[in-house]
Amino acid sequence: MAYNTATKTDPESVVPEDAGGMWFLKEELDSDQVGISILELEPGADGMEHDESETGQEEIYYVVSGTVEVALTDADETVTLEADELIRIDPEESRQLSNVGDERAKLVLVGAPL
């Protein structure tokens, strides 16, 4: 088949519902080269601090709605993003997302290469 389709809720969320939700869609889309996930964070919720130094994967975060802060631990910097803004992060940079707004934040996360 030349294409695959998926919905956000095809896989189980890896984040508790009270914090929002996170759905990894790579397998549902049968993607070999790029990973894509949907992340939703309730106001005041934080994502997991991590880096991708072991995988070598750079990540791009696109904010669909809400306001999030991206704490870049190694750079000792925090970047605030609102709807329709993006950030690309090097694999080695440790990062943590936080919803600093009053509404649920929704993001599309893209990572490559796998």
Protein backbone atom coordinates (compact mmCIF):
# COMPACT_ATOMS: atom_id res chain seq x y z
CA MET A 1 0.00 0.00 0.00
CA ALA A 2 1.27 3.48 -0.84
CA TYR A 3 -0.17 5.09 2.29
CA ASN A 4 -1.48 4.42 5.80
CA THR A 5 -3.97 6.29 7.94
CA ALA A 6 -4.42 6.51 11.70
CA THR A 7 -6.35 8.36 14.36
CA LYS A 8 -4.89 9.84 17.53
CA THR A 9 -6.55 7.27 19.73
CA ASP A 10 -5.56 4.14 17.75
CA PRO A 11 -2.76 3.48 20.27
CA GLU A 12 -3.19 3.72 24.05
CA SER A 13 -1.99 6.95 25.65
CA VAL A 14 1.33 6.70 27.50
CA VAL A 15 0.43 9.70 29.69
CA PRO A 16 -2.26 9.50 32.39
CA GLU A 17 -5.60 11.02 31.33
CA ASP A 18 -5.61 13.53 34.20
CA ALA A 19 -2.36 15.03 32.83
CA GLY A 20 -3.59 15.07 29.23
CA GLY A 21 -2.44 12.27 26.94
CA MET A 22 0.30 11.21 24.55
CA TRP A 23 -0.14 8.95 21.58
CA PHE A 24 2.78 7.47 19.58
CA LEU A 25 1.60 6.94 15.99
CA LYS A 26 4.71 5.57 14.29
CA GLU A 27 3.56 1.95 14.35
CA GLU A 28 -0.02 2.77 13.33
CA LEU A 29 1.34 4.62 10.30
CA ASP A 30 3.99 1.94 9.62
CA SER A 31 6.64 4.67 9.40
CA ASP A 32 10.28 3.66 8.93
CA GLN A 33 12.01 7.06 8.89
CA VAL A 34 10.03 9.46 11.06
CA GLY A 35 8.18 9.27 14.35
CA ILE A 36 5.06 11.31 15.04
CA SER A 37 3.17 11.74 18.28
CA ILE A 38 0.31 13.83 19.61
CA LEU A 39 0.78 15.32 23.08
CA GLU A 40 -1.92 17.01 25.12
CA LEU A 41 -1.13 18.59 28.48
CA GLU A 42 -3.61 19.94 30.99
CA PRO A 43 -2.84 23.37 32.53
CA GLY A 44 0.06 23.03 34.95
CA ALA A 45 1.09 19.59 33.63
CA ASP A 46 4.66 18.76 32.64
CA GLY A 47 6.03 16.37 30.07
CA MET A 48 8.91 14.03 30.82
CA GLU A 49 12.36 15.59 30.85
CA HIS A 50 14.54 13.73 28.35
CA ASP A 51 17.08 13.93 25.56
CA GLU A 52 17.55 11.83 22.45
CA SER A 53 21.34 11.45 22.60
CA GLU A 54 21.10 7.64 22.51
CA THR A 55 18.87 7.61 19.42
CA GLY A 56 20.42 10.60 17.62
CA GLN A 57 16.89 11.78 16.85
CA GLU A 58 16.18 15.49 16.47
CA GLU A 59 12.68 16.57 17.42
CA ILE A 60 10.32 19.25 16.18
CA TYR A 61 7.39 20.39 18.32
CA TYR A 62 4.44 22.18 16.71
CA VAL A 63 1.95 23.81 19.07
CA VAL A 64 -1.59 23.35 17.75
CA SER A 65 -3.25 25.11 20.68
CA GLY A 66 -2.34 26.49 24.08
CA THR A 67 0.87 27.92 25.50
CA VAL A 68 3.84 25.77 26.48
CA GLU A 69 7.30 26.36 27.83
CA VAL A 70 10.17 24.23 26.62
CA ALA A 71 12.88 24.10 29.28
CA LEU A 72 16.23 23.45 27.57
CA THR A 73 18.24 22.22 30.53
CA ASP A 74 21.68 22.07 28.91
CA ALA A 75 21.31 25.51 27.32
CA ASP A 76 19.90 26.88 30.61
CA GLU A 77 17.14 28.51 28.62
CA THR A 78 13.34 28.37 28.41
CA VAL A 79 11.42 29.00 25.20
CA THR A 80 7.71 29.91 25.29
CA LEU A 81 5.61 28.74 22.35
CA GLU A 82 2.01 29.53 21.45
CA ALA A 83 -0.34 28.17 18.79
CA ASP A 84 1.23 27.82 15.33
CA GLU A 85 4.80 28.14 16.66
CA LEU A 86 7.47 25.46 16.38
CA ILE A 87 10.84 24.51 17.83
CA ARG A 88 13.50 22.07 16.58
CA ILE A 89 15.74 20.53 19.23
CA ASP A 90 19.12 18.81 18.80
CA PRO A 91 19.28 15.19 20.02
CA GLU A 92 21.75 15.98 22.84
CA GLU A 93 19.72 18.82 24.35
CA SER A 94 17.72 17.85 27.42
CA ARG A 95 14.18 19.21 27.24
CA GLN A 96 10.94 19.33 29.21
CA LEU A 97 7.57 20.66 28.12
CA SER A 98 5.19 22.43 30.52
CA ASN A 99 1.71 23.77 29.91
CA VAL A 100 1.81 27.30 31.32
CA GLY A 101 -1.54 28.38 29.90
CA ASP A 102 -5.13 28.22 31.15
CA GLU A 103 -6.32 25.67 28.57
CA ARG A 104 -5.29 22.20 27.48
CA ALA A 105 -2.24 22.43 25.19
CA LYS A 106 -2.08 20.24 22.09
CA LEU A 107 1.14 19.57 20.20
CA VAL A 108 2.34 17.52 17.27
CA LEU A 109 5.79 16.01 17.92
CA VAL A 110 7.98 14.83 15.06
CA GLY A 111 11.26 12.97 15.41
CA ALA A 112 13.79 11.68 12.89
CA PRO A 113 15.79 9.76 11.92
CA LEU A 114 14.58 6.62 13.61
